[in-house]
Amino acid sequence: MQQQSNTICQLPKRPQRGENLNKDYRMKILDSNHFELQFLKDIQLHIYKKEVKHLFASIKNEIVSQGIQSFCITGANIWSFQLQRNNIHITKVVDETKLIVDIKYVKTINLKDLTQYNDQQSINISKQAINAILKQIHEKRNMKEFFGKGKFYESVMNCNQKFQEFQIAYLKGFRNVYCPGQNTPLLQIDYSTKLINTDSILNFIYNFQGNRKQLQEQLQHTSGYAMYSKRFYRILGIDFSKTPQSLMENGKMTYYQYYQQKYKITIYDQTQPLLVH
């Protein structure tokens, strides 16, 4: 009995060999935003572990006085080109709160050698180290990182007449991503622009037409820019039970007194709710 076969699809045939290869194969020039990283010399980076979540400016000055002149904070670690093997213990009172900061030397890495390895642990450490160096470079250019996503923006808002009509400004910046290449590390650089609504959140609250629940949903997980600190904050919600005359968590001063003493800001509207971030 003869076996029958059904053709489901026709497989593509290999192109015939010919002299006119340009007809079948063409060279393509690809523009890329990935730039090769080259280290001209060994880079010794010293890693320290800190035992406090946030470092205030006054505490940073104490670290400088202890011998670590230039450093960058990434997560729970401090990266620096200066070596300080002795533990650093700092006690400081900030806003009537006693803070104890312990900084301990962990290890030293050679970044040039580390970037040549392709294992995941080496890639992660190289990424953290290069991000720390890039952060120092951007901060020297007076650029700030927002929300820790590798995006650095200029501190000056751009707002021309057309943008002012719509109450919009923008910040220009860059986004850096470390990428391990096949033979050499790469740095991906993208332009980044952040649009800013120049209308104040207080005006938005007063002009909102819905109820409080709808207002909560509208502002939750958005970001607000504080002019006094030049920082963005993620808004988690609105506490309508508190006003500038309410006592802070320490129970010793009101929000009105706090902002007046620390930032020299006078809050004129004593009925506005508290933004939680």
C-alpha atoms as a PDB file:
ATOM      1  CA  MET A   1       0.000   0.000   0.000  1.00  0.00           C
ATOM      2  CA  GLN A   2       1.457   3.342  -1.064  1.00  0.00           C
ATOM      3  CA  GLN A   3       1.805   5.934   1.735  1.00  0.00           C
ATOM      4  CA  GLN A   4       0.355   9.354   0.984  1.00  0.00           C
ATOM      5  CA  SER A   5       1.738  12.644   2.351  1.00  0.00           C
ATOM      6  CA  ASN A   6      -0.029  15.967   2.657  1.00  0.00           C
ATOM      7  CA  THR A   7       1.922  19.235   2.357  1.00  0.00           C
ATOM      8  CA  ILE A   8       1.024  21.566   5.199  1.00  0.00           C
ATOM      9  CA  CYS A   9       3.325  24.413   4.194  1.00  0.00           C
ATOM     10  CA  GLN A  10       6.107  25.088   1.727  1.00  0.00           C
ATOM     11  CA  LEU A  11       9.453  25.524   3.462  1.00  0.00           C
ATOM     12  CA  PRO A  12      11.600  28.398   2.200  1.00  0.00           C
ATOM     13  CA  LYS A  13      14.423  27.407  -0.116  1.00  0.00           C
ATOM     14  CA  ARG A  14      18.025  28.419   0.420  1.00  0.00           C
ATOM     15  CA  PRO A  15      18.969  31.202  -2.013  1.00  0.00           C
ATOM     16  CA  GLN A  16      21.148  30.037  -4.869  1.00  0.00           C
ATOM     17  CA  ARG A  17      24.791  30.954  -4.928  1.00  0.00           C
ATOM     18  CA  GLY A  18      25.421  33.828  -7.277  1.00  0.00           C
ATOM     19  CA  GLU A  19      27.901  36.528  -8.099  1.00  0.00           C
ATOM     20  CA  ASN A  20      25.541  39.412  -7.329  1.00  0.00           C
ATOM     21  CA  LEU A  21      25.527  39.123  -3.536  1.00  0.00           C
ATOM     22  CA  ASN A  22      24.454  42.757  -3.068  1.00  0.00           C
ATOM     23  CA  LYS A  23      21.012  41.785  -4.282  1.00  0.00           C
ATOM     24  CA  ASP A  24      20.475  39.365  -1.411  1.00  0.00           C
ATOM     25  CA  TYR A  25      22.729  40.824   1.302  1.00  0.00           C
ATOM     26  CA  ARG A  26      23.134  44.492   2.127  1.00  0.00           C
ATOM     27  CA  MET A  27      25.232  46.110   4.816  1.00  0.00           C
ATOM     28  CA  LYS A  28      23.180  48.112   7.302  1.00  0.00           C
ATOM     29  CA  ILE A  29      24.558  50.896   9.496  1.00  0.00           C
ATOM     30  CA  LEU A  30      22.804  50.938  12.861  1.00  0.00           C
ATOM     31  CA  ASP A  31      22.837  54.050  15.016  1.00  0.00           C
ATOM     32  CA  SER A  32      22.814  53.112  18.684  1.00  0.00           C
ATOM     33  CA  ASN A  33      22.627  54.971  21.975  1.00  0.00           C
ATOM     34  CA  HIS A  34      24.899  52.366  23.579  1.00  0.00           C
ATOM     35  CA  PHE A  35      28.389  53.702  24.231  1.00  0.00           C
ATOM     36  CA  GLU A  36      31.442  51.595  25.017  1.00  0.00           C
ATOM     37  CA  LEU A  37      32.958  52.081  28.459  1.00  0.00           C
ATOM     38  CA  GLN A  38      36.740  52.048  28.594  1.00  0.00           C
ATOM     39  CA  PHE A  39      38.770  52.245  31.802  1.00  0.00           C
ATOM     40  CA  LEU A  40      42.175  53.856  31.276  1.00  0.00           C
ATOM     41  CA  LYS A  41      43.417  52.673  34.670  1.00  0.00           C
ATOM     42  CA  ASP A  42      42.399  50.562  37.648  1.00  0.00           C
ATOM     43  CA  ILE A  43      39.564  52.063  39.682  1.00  0.00           C
ATOM     44  CA  GLN A  44      39.526  51.147  43.358  1.00  0.00           C
ATOM     45  CA  LEU A  45      36.077  51.644  44.889  1.00  0.00           C
ATOM     46  CA  HIS A  46      35.569  51.245  48.619  1.00  0.00           C
ATOM     47  CA  ILE A  47      32.180  50.089  49.894  1.00  0.00           C
ATOM     48  CA  TYR A  48      30.776  51.040  53.308  1.00  0.00           C
ATOM     49  CA  LYS A  49      27.541  49.983  54.989  1.00  0.00           C
ATOM     50  CA  LYS A  50      25.401  52.537  56.805  1.00  0.00           C
ATOM     51  CA  GLU A  51      22.945  51.747  59.591  1.00  0.00           C
ATOM     52  CA  VAL A  52      20.529  54.638  59.024  1.00  0.00           C
ATOM     53  CA  LYS A  53      17.952  54.992  56.260  1.00  0.00           C
ATOM     54  CA  HIS A  54      18.365  58.683  55.388  1.00  0.00           C
ATOM     55  CA  LEU A  55      21.436  60.872  55.721  1.00  0.00           C
ATOM     56  CA  PHE A  56      20.758  64.546  56.352  1.00  0.00           C
ATOM     57  CA  ALA A  57      23.070  67.305  55.145  1.00  0.00           C
ATOM     58  CA  SER A  58      24.479  67.897  58.630  1.00  0.00           C
ATOM     59  CA  ILE A  59      25.350  64.198  58.987  1.00  0.00           C
ATOM     60  CA  LYS A  60      26.952  64.169  55.545  1.00  0.00           C
ATOM     61  CA  ASN A  61      29.239  66.955  56.731  1.00  0.00           C
ATOM     62  CA  GLU A  62      30.209  64.791  59.714  1.00  0.00           C
ATOM     63  CA  ILE A  63      31.156  61.939  57.354  1.00  0.00           C
ATOM     64  CA  VAL A  64      33.385  64.327  55.392  1.00  0.00           C
ATOM     65  CA  SER A  65      35.116  65.403  58.599  1.00  0.00           C
ATOM     66  CA  GLN A  66      35.762  61.716  59.435  1.00  0.00           C
ATOM     67  CA  GLY A  67      37.911  61.243  56.318  1.00  0.00           C
ATOM     68  CA  ILE A  68      35.507  60.229  53.531  1.00  0.00           C
ATOM     69  CA  GLN A  69      35.700  63.429  51.497  1.00  0.00           C
ATOM     70  CA  SER A  70      33.747  62.332  48.433  1.00  0.00           C
ATOM     71  CA  PHE A  71      31.083  59.644  48.467  1.00  0.00           C
ATOM     72  CA  CYS A  72      27.816  58.533  46.925  1.00  0.00           C
ATOM     73  CA  ILE A  73      24.871  56.860  48.638  1.00  0.00           C
ATOM     74  CA  THR A  74      23.136  53.964  46.867  1.00  0.00           C
ATOM     75  CA  GLY A  75      20.591  52.067  48.928  1.00  0.00           C
ATOM     76  CA  ALA A  76      22.154  50.815  52.159  1.00  0.00           C
ATOM     77  CA  ASN A  77      25.727  51.325  50.916  1.00  0.00           C
ATOM     78  CA  ILE A  78      28.143  54.212  50.581  1.00  0.00           C
ATOM     79  CA  TRP A  79      30.630  54.188  47.685  1.00  0.00           C
ATOM     80  CA  SER A  80      33.813  56.239  47.795  1.00  0.00           C
ATOM     81  CA  PHE A  81      37.282  56.530  46.287  1.00  0.00           C
ATOM     82  CA  GLN A  82      38.649  57.255  49.787  1.00  0.00           C
ATOM     83  CA  LEU A  83      39.563  54.372  52.079  1.00  0.00           C
ATOM     84  CA  GLN A  84      38.634  54.604  55.767  1.00  0.00           C
ATOM     85  CA  ARG A  85      39.011  51.275  57.553  1.00  0.00           C
ATOM     86  CA  ASN A  86      38.057  52.619  60.980  1.00  0.00           C
ATOM     87  CA  ASN A  87      34.361  52.485  61.851  1.00  0.00           C
ATOM     88  CA  ILE A  88      32.561  55.827  61.903  1.00  0.00           C
ATOM     89  CA  HIS A  89      30.085  56.496  64.721  1.00  0.00           C
ATOM     90  CA  ILE A  90      28.041  59.700  64.556  1.00  0.00           C
ATOM     91  CA  THR A  91      25.461  60.959  67.045  1.00  0.00           C
ATOM     92  CA  LYS A  92      23.404  63.924  65.901  1.00  0.00           C
ATOM     93  CA  VAL A  93      20.199  65.669  66.964  1.00  0.00           C
ATOM     94  CA  VAL A  94      18.078  66.609  63.932  1.00  0.00           C
ATOM     95  CA  ASP A  95      14.698  68.300  64.465  1.00  0.00           C
ATOM     96  CA  GLU A  96      14.762  67.315  68.148  1.00  0.00           C
ATOM     97  CA  THR A  97      15.314  63.671  67.163  1.00  0.00           C
ATOM     98  CA  LYS A  98      18.499  61.874  68.180  1.00  0.00           C
ATOM     99  CA  LEU A  99      20.045  60.007  65.267  1.00  0.00           C
ATOM    100  CA  ILE A 100      22.812  57.433  65.568  1.00  0.00           C
ATOM    101  CA  VAL A 101      24.717  56.607  62.389  1.00  0.00           C
ATOM    102  CA  ASP A 102      27.201  53.734  62.169  1.00  0.00           C
ATOM    103  CA  ILE A 103      29.306  53.372  59.016  1.00  0.00           C
ATOM    104  CA  LYS A 104      31.467  50.285  58.569  1.00  0.00           C
ATOM    105  CA  TYR A 105      34.010  49.434  55.885  1.00  0.00           C
ATOM    106  CA  VAL A 106      32.931  46.341  53.906  1.00  0.00           C
ATOM    107  CA  LYS A 107      35.333  45.727  51.020  1.00  0.00           C
ATOM    108  CA  THR A 108      37.255  47.207  48.097  1.00  0.00           C
ATOM    109  CA  ILE A 109      36.629  46.300  44.455  1.00  0.00           C
ATOM    110  CA  ASN A 110      38.584  46.897  41.255  1.00  0.00           C
ATOM    111  CA  LEU A 111      35.893  48.127  38.903  1.00  0.00           C
ATOM    112  CA  LYS A 112      38.009  47.715  35.769  1.00  0.00           C
ATOM    113  CA  ASP A 113      38.545  44.000  36.456  1.00  0.00           C
ATOM    114  CA  LEU A 114      35.020  43.381  37.712  1.00  0.00           C
ATOM    115  CA  THR A 115      33.365  44.566  34.474  1.00  0.00           C
ATOM    116  CA  GLN A 116      35.139  41.801  32.544  1.00  0.00           C
ATOM    117  CA  TYR A 117      33.127  39.062  34.284  1.00  0.00           C
ATOM    118  CA  ASN A 118      29.717  37.980  32.994  1.00  0.00           C
ATOM    119  CA  ASP A 119      28.330  36.254  36.084  1.00  0.00           C
ATOM    120  CA  GLN A 120      25.236  37.863  37.593  1.00  0.00           C
ATOM    121  CA  GLN A 121      26.883  38.862  40.884  1.00  0.00           C
ATOM    122  CA  SER A 122      29.704  40.728  39.111  1.00  0.00           C
ATOM    123  CA  ILE A 123      27.204  42.410  36.792  1.00  0.00           C
ATOM    124  CA  ASN A 124      25.079  43.592  39.737  1.00  0.00           C
ATOM    125  CA  ILE A 125      28.067  45.018  41.627  1.00  0.00           C
ATOM    126  CA  SER A 126      29.429  46.694  38.473  1.00  0.00           C
ATOM    127  CA  LYS A 127      26.031  48.222  37.813  1.00  0.00           C
ATOM    128  CA  GLN A 128      25.788  49.650  41.340  1.00  0.00           C
ATOM    129  CA  ALA A 129      29.342  51.014  41.204  1.00  0.00           C
ATOM    130  CA  ILE A 130      28.963  52.684  37.810  1.00  0.00           C
ATOM    131  CA  ASN A 131      25.604  54.132  38.841  1.00  0.00           C
ATOM    132  CA  ALA A 132      27.293  55.607  41.921  1.00  0.00           C
ATOM    133  CA  ILE A 133      29.987  57.234  39.760  1.00  0.00           C
ATOM    134  CA  LEU A 134      27.394  58.586  37.327  1.00  0.00           C
ATOM    135  CA  LYS A 135      25.395  59.999  40.224  1.00  0.00           C
ATOM    136  CA  GLN A 136      28.446  61.952  41.402  1.00  0.00           C
ATOM    137  CA  ILE A 137      29.037  63.288  37.883  1.00  0.00           C
ATOM    138  CA  HIS A 138      25.434  64.461  37.507  1.00  0.00           C
ATOM    139  CA  GLU A 139      25.349  66.039  40.970  1.00  0.00           C
ATOM    140  CA  LYS A 140      28.465  68.056  40.132  1.00  0.00           C
ATOM    141  CA  ARG A 141      26.528  69.380  37.137  1.00  0.00           C
ATOM    142  CA  ASN A 142      23.743  70.421  39.542  1.00  0.00           C
ATOM    143  CA  MET A 143      21.410  67.679  38.303  1.00  0.00           C
ATOM    144  CA  LYS A 144      19.146  65.664  40.595  1.00  0.00           C
ATOM    145  CA  GLU A 145      17.854  62.113  40.483  1.00  0.00           C
ATOM    146  CA  PHE A 146      14.102  61.687  40.949  1.00  0.00           C
ATOM    147  CA  PHE A 147      12.627  58.507  42.461  1.00  0.00           C
ATOM    148  CA  GLY A 148      15.855  56.516  42.025  1.00  0.00           C
ATOM    149  CA  LYS A 149      15.297  55.321  38.449  1.00  0.00           C
ATOM    150  CA  GLY A 150      18.565  56.501  36.940  1.00  0.00           C
ATOM    151  CA  LYS A 151      16.949  59.653  35.557  1.00  0.00           C
ATOM    152  CA  PHE A 152      18.768  62.897  36.294  1.00  0.00           C
ATOM    153  CA  TYR A 153      17.248  66.302  35.555  1.00  0.00           C
ATOM    154  CA  GLU A 154      18.415  69.897  35.552  1.00  0.00           C
ATOM    155  CA  SER A 155      17.361  71.899  38.585  1.00  0.00           C
ATOM    156  CA  VAL A 156      15.978  74.805  36.518  1.00  0.00           C
ATOM    157  CA  MET A 157      12.498  74.511  35.026  1.00  0.00           C
ATOM    158  CA  ASN A 158      11.956  75.536  31.417  1.00  0.00           C
ATOM    159  CA  CYS A 159       8.751  77.413  30.711  1.00  0.00           C
ATOM    160  CA  ASN A 160       8.112  79.570  27.640  1.00  0.00           C
ATOM    161  CA  GLN A 161       5.007  81.609  26.918  1.00  0.00           C
ATOM    162  CA  LYS A 162       3.148  78.795  25.144  1.00  0.00           C
ATOM    163  CA  PHE A 163       3.693  76.459  28.093  1.00  0.00           C
ATOM    164  CA  GLN A 164       2.636  79.128  30.585  1.00  0.00           C
ATOM    165  CA  GLU A 165      -0.795  79.332  28.949  1.00  0.00           C
ATOM    166  CA  PHE A 166      -1.386  75.683  29.890  1.00  0.00           C
ATOM    167  CA  GLN A 167       0.412  75.922  33.283  1.00  0.00           C
ATOM    168  CA  ILE A 168       3.097  73.478  32.189  1.00  0.00           C
ATOM    169  CA  ALA A 169       6.883  73.510  32.538  1.00  0.00           C
ATOM    170  CA  TYR A 170       9.468  70.850  31.811  1.00  0.00           C
ATOM    171  CA  LEU A 171      12.819  69.596  33.052  1.00  0.00           C
ATOM    172  CA  LYS A 172      15.530  68.343  30.700  1.00  0.00           C
ATOM    173  CA  GLY A 173      17.651  65.386  31.674  1.00  0.00           C
ATOM    174  CA  PHE A 174      19.194  62.021  30.899  1.00  0.00           C
ATOM    175  CA  ARG A 175      18.590  58.370  31.698  1.00  0.00           C
ATOM    176  CA  ASN A 176      21.607  56.099  32.129  1.00  0.00           C
ATOM    177  CA  VAL A 177      21.530  52.303  32.038  1.00  0.00           C
ATOM    178  CA  TYR A 178      24.567  50.047  32.456  1.00  0.00           C
ATOM    179  CA  CYS A 179      24.530  47.112  30.018  1.00  0.00           C
ATOM    180  CA  PRO A 180      27.053  44.252  29.999  1.00  0.00           C
ATOM    181  CA  GLY A 181      28.249  43.780  26.415  1.00  0.00           C
ATOM    182  CA  GLN A 182      29.747  40.705  24.804  1.00  0.00           C
ATOM    183  CA  ASN A 183      33.321  41.999  24.976  1.00  0.00           C
ATOM    184  CA  THR A 184      33.083  45.295  26.851  1.00  0.00           C
ATOM    185  CA  PRO A 185      30.624  47.085  29.165  1.00  0.00           C
ATOM    186  CA  LEU A 186      28.188  49.498  27.537  1.00  0.00           C
ATOM    187  CA  LEU A 187      26.384  52.575  28.777  1.00  0.00           C
ATOM    188  CA  GLN A 188      22.949  53.303  27.348  1.00  0.00           C
ATOM    189  CA  ILE A 189      22.119  57.020  27.397  1.00  0.00           C
ATOM    190  CA  ASP A 190      18.664  58.399  26.578  1.00  0.00           C
ATOM    191  CA  TYR A 191      17.254  61.886  26.672  1.00  0.00           C
ATOM    192  CA  SER A 192      14.499  62.320  29.238  1.00  0.00           C
ATOM    193  CA  THR A 193      11.964  65.098  29.721  1.00  0.00           C
ATOM    194  CA  LYS A 194       9.720  65.514  32.761  1.00  0.00           C
ATOM    195  CA  LEU A 195       6.556  67.581  32.402  1.00  0.00           C
ATOM    196  CA  ILE A 196       5.540  69.649  35.420  1.00  0.00           C
ATOM    197  CA  ASN A 197       2.098  71.059  36.168  1.00  0.00           C
ATOM    198  CA  THR A 198       2.902  74.526  37.525  1.00  0.00           C
ATOM    199  CA  ASP A 199      -0.512  74.941  39.137  1.00  0.00           C
ATOM    200  CA  SER A 200      -0.230  74.380  42.888  1.00  0.00           C
ATOM    201  CA  ILE A 201      -1.771  71.300  44.486  1.00  0.00           C
ATOM    202  CA  LEU A 202      -3.669  73.578  46.859  1.00  0.00           C
ATOM    203  CA  ASN A 203      -5.384  75.313  43.932  1.00  0.00           C
ATOM    204  CA  PHE A 204      -6.162  71.923  42.432  1.00  0.00           C
ATOM    205  CA  ILE A 205      -7.821  70.813  45.698  1.00  0.00           C
ATOM    206  CA  TYR A 206      -9.924  73.974  45.970  1.00  0.00           C
ATOM    207  CA  ASN A 207     -11.028  73.869  42.327  1.00  0.00           C
ATOM    208  CA  PHE A 208     -11.821  70.149  42.327  1.00  0.00           C
ATOM    209  CA  GLN A 209     -15.514  69.541  41.621  1.00  0.00           C
ATOM    210  CA  GLY A 210     -15.863  66.005  43.019  1.00  0.00           C
ATOM    211  CA  ASN A 211     -16.080  64.644  46.555  1.00  0.00           C
ATOM    212  CA  ARG A 212     -13.203  63.823  48.912  1.00  0.00           C
ATOM    213  CA  LYS A 213     -12.994  60.181  47.852  1.00  0.00           C
ATOM    214  CA  GLN A 214     -12.666  61.179  44.212  1.00  0.00           C
ATOM    215  CA  LEU A 215     -10.033  63.758  45.172  1.00  0.00           C
ATOM    216  CA  GLN A 216      -8.050  61.084  47.020  1.00  0.00           C
ATOM    217  CA  GLU A 217      -8.133  58.828  43.968  1.00  0.00           C
ATOM    218  CA  GLN A 218      -7.103  61.711  41.717  1.00  0.00           C
ATOM    219  CA  LEU A 219      -3.988  62.644  43.718  1.00  0.00           C
ATOM    220  CA  GLN A 220      -2.898  59.232  45.005  1.00  0.00           C
ATOM    221  CA  HIS A 221       0.420  57.987  43.553  1.00  0.00           C
ATOM    222  CA  THR A 222       1.069  61.268  41.752  1.00  0.00           C
ATOM    223  CA  SER A 223       4.142  63.380  42.474  1.00  0.00           C
ATOM    224  CA  GLY A 224       4.348  66.898  43.868  1.00  0.00           C
ATOM    225  CA  TYR A 225       7.269  69.324  43.684  1.00  0.00           C
ATOM    226  CA  ALA A 226       8.163  71.150  46.897  1.00  0.00           C
ATOM    227  CA  MET A 227       9.620  74.567  46.101  1.00  0.00           C
ATOM    228  CA  TYR A 228      11.262  74.923  49.533  1.00  0.00           C
ATOM    229  CA  SER A 229      13.346  71.727  49.217  1.00  0.00           C
ATOM    230  CA  LYS A 230      13.541  71.465  45.397  1.00  0.00           C
ATOM    231  CA  ARG A 231      12.456  67.840  45.651  1.00  0.00           C
ATOM    232  CA  PHE A 232       9.695  65.649  44.256  1.00  0.00           C
ATOM    233  CA  TYR A 233       7.547  63.663  46.661  1.00  0.00           C
ATOM    234  CA  ARG A 234       5.219  60.768  45.915  1.00  0.00           C
ATOM    235  CA  ILE A 235       1.747  61.601  47.256  1.00  0.00           C
ATOM    236  CA  LEU A 236       0.235  58.647  49.105  1.00  0.00           C
ATOM    237  CA  GLY A 237      -2.970  60.364  50.160  1.00  0.00           C
ATOM    238  CA  ILE A 238      -4.669  63.339  51.829  1.00  0.00           C
ATOM    239  CA  ASP A 239      -5.353  63.545  55.564  1.00  0.00           C
ATOM    240  CA  PHE A 240      -8.380  65.850  55.902  1.00  0.00           C
ATOM    241  CA  SER A 241      -8.340  65.488  59.695  1.00  0.00           C
ATOM    242  CA  LYS A 242      -5.102  67.486  59.997  1.00  0.00           C
ATOM    243  CA  THR A 243      -4.354  71.143  59.275  1.00  0.00           C
ATOM    244  CA  PRO A 244      -1.245  73.345  59.675  1.00  0.00           C
ATOM    245  CA  GLN A 245      -2.326  73.899  63.303  1.00  0.00           C
ATOM    246  CA  SER A 246      -2.227  70.155  64.079  1.00  0.00           C
ATOM    247  CA  LEU A 247       0.622  68.795  66.165  1.00  0.00           C
ATOM    248  CA  MET A 248       3.336  66.793  64.448  1.00  0.00           C
ATOM    249  CA  GLU A 249       4.146  63.206  65.426  1.00  0.00           C
ATOM    250  CA  ASN A 250       6.550  64.328  68.156  1.00  0.00           C
ATOM    251  CA  GLY A 251       3.681  66.298  69.749  1.00  0.00           C
ATOM    252  CA  LYS A 252       5.910  69.315  70.467  1.00  0.00           C
ATOM    253  CA  MET A 253       5.165  71.687  67.593  1.00  0.00           C
ATOM    254  CA  THR A 254       2.590  72.252  64.882  1.00  0.00           C
ATOM    255  CA  TYR A 255       3.198  71.889  61.169  1.00  0.00           C
ATOM    256  CA  TYR A 256       2.846  75.665  60.908  1.00  0.00           C
ATOM    257  CA  GLN A 257       5.647  76.205  63.437  1.00  0.00           C
ATOM    258  CA  TYR A 258       7.856  73.538  61.860  1.00  0.00           C
ATOM    259  CA  TYR A 259       7.840  75.009  58.345  1.00  0.00           C
ATOM    260  CA  GLN A 260       8.213  78.518  59.694  1.00  0.00           C
ATOM    261  CA  GLN A 261      11.268  77.639  61.807  1.00  0.00           C
ATOM    262  CA  LYS A 262      13.036  75.282  59.405  1.00  0.00           C
ATOM    263  CA  TYR A 263      12.214  76.741  55.987  1.00  0.00           C
ATOM    264  CA  LYS A 264      11.138  80.317  56.877  1.00  0.00           C
ATOM    265  CA  ILE A 265       7.790  79.635  55.203  1.00  0.00           C
ATOM    266  CA  THR A 266       4.548  81.132  56.476  1.00  0.00           C
ATOM    267  CA  ILE A 267       1.445  79.035  55.788  1.00  0.00           C
ATOM    268  CA  TYR A 268      -1.386  81.513  55.336  1.00  0.00           C
ATOM    269  CA  ASP A 269      -4.230  79.048  54.764  1.00  0.00           C
ATOM    270  CA  GLN A 270      -4.806  77.401  58.137  1.00  0.00           C
ATOM    271  CA  THR A 271      -7.569  75.088  56.855  1.00  0.00           C
ATOM    272  CA  GLN A 272      -5.709  73.207  54.111  1.00  0.00           C
ATOM    273  CA  PRO A 273      -5.413  69.414  54.570  1.00  0.00           C
ATOM    274  CA  LEU A 274      -2.176  67.489  55.030  1.00  0.00           C
ATOM    275  CA  LEU A 275      -0.556  65.716  52.078  1.00  0.00           C
ATOM    276  CA  VAL A 276       0.858  62.324  53.074  1.00  0.00           C
ATOM    277  CA  HIS A 277       4.010  61.151  51.296  1.00  0.00           C
END
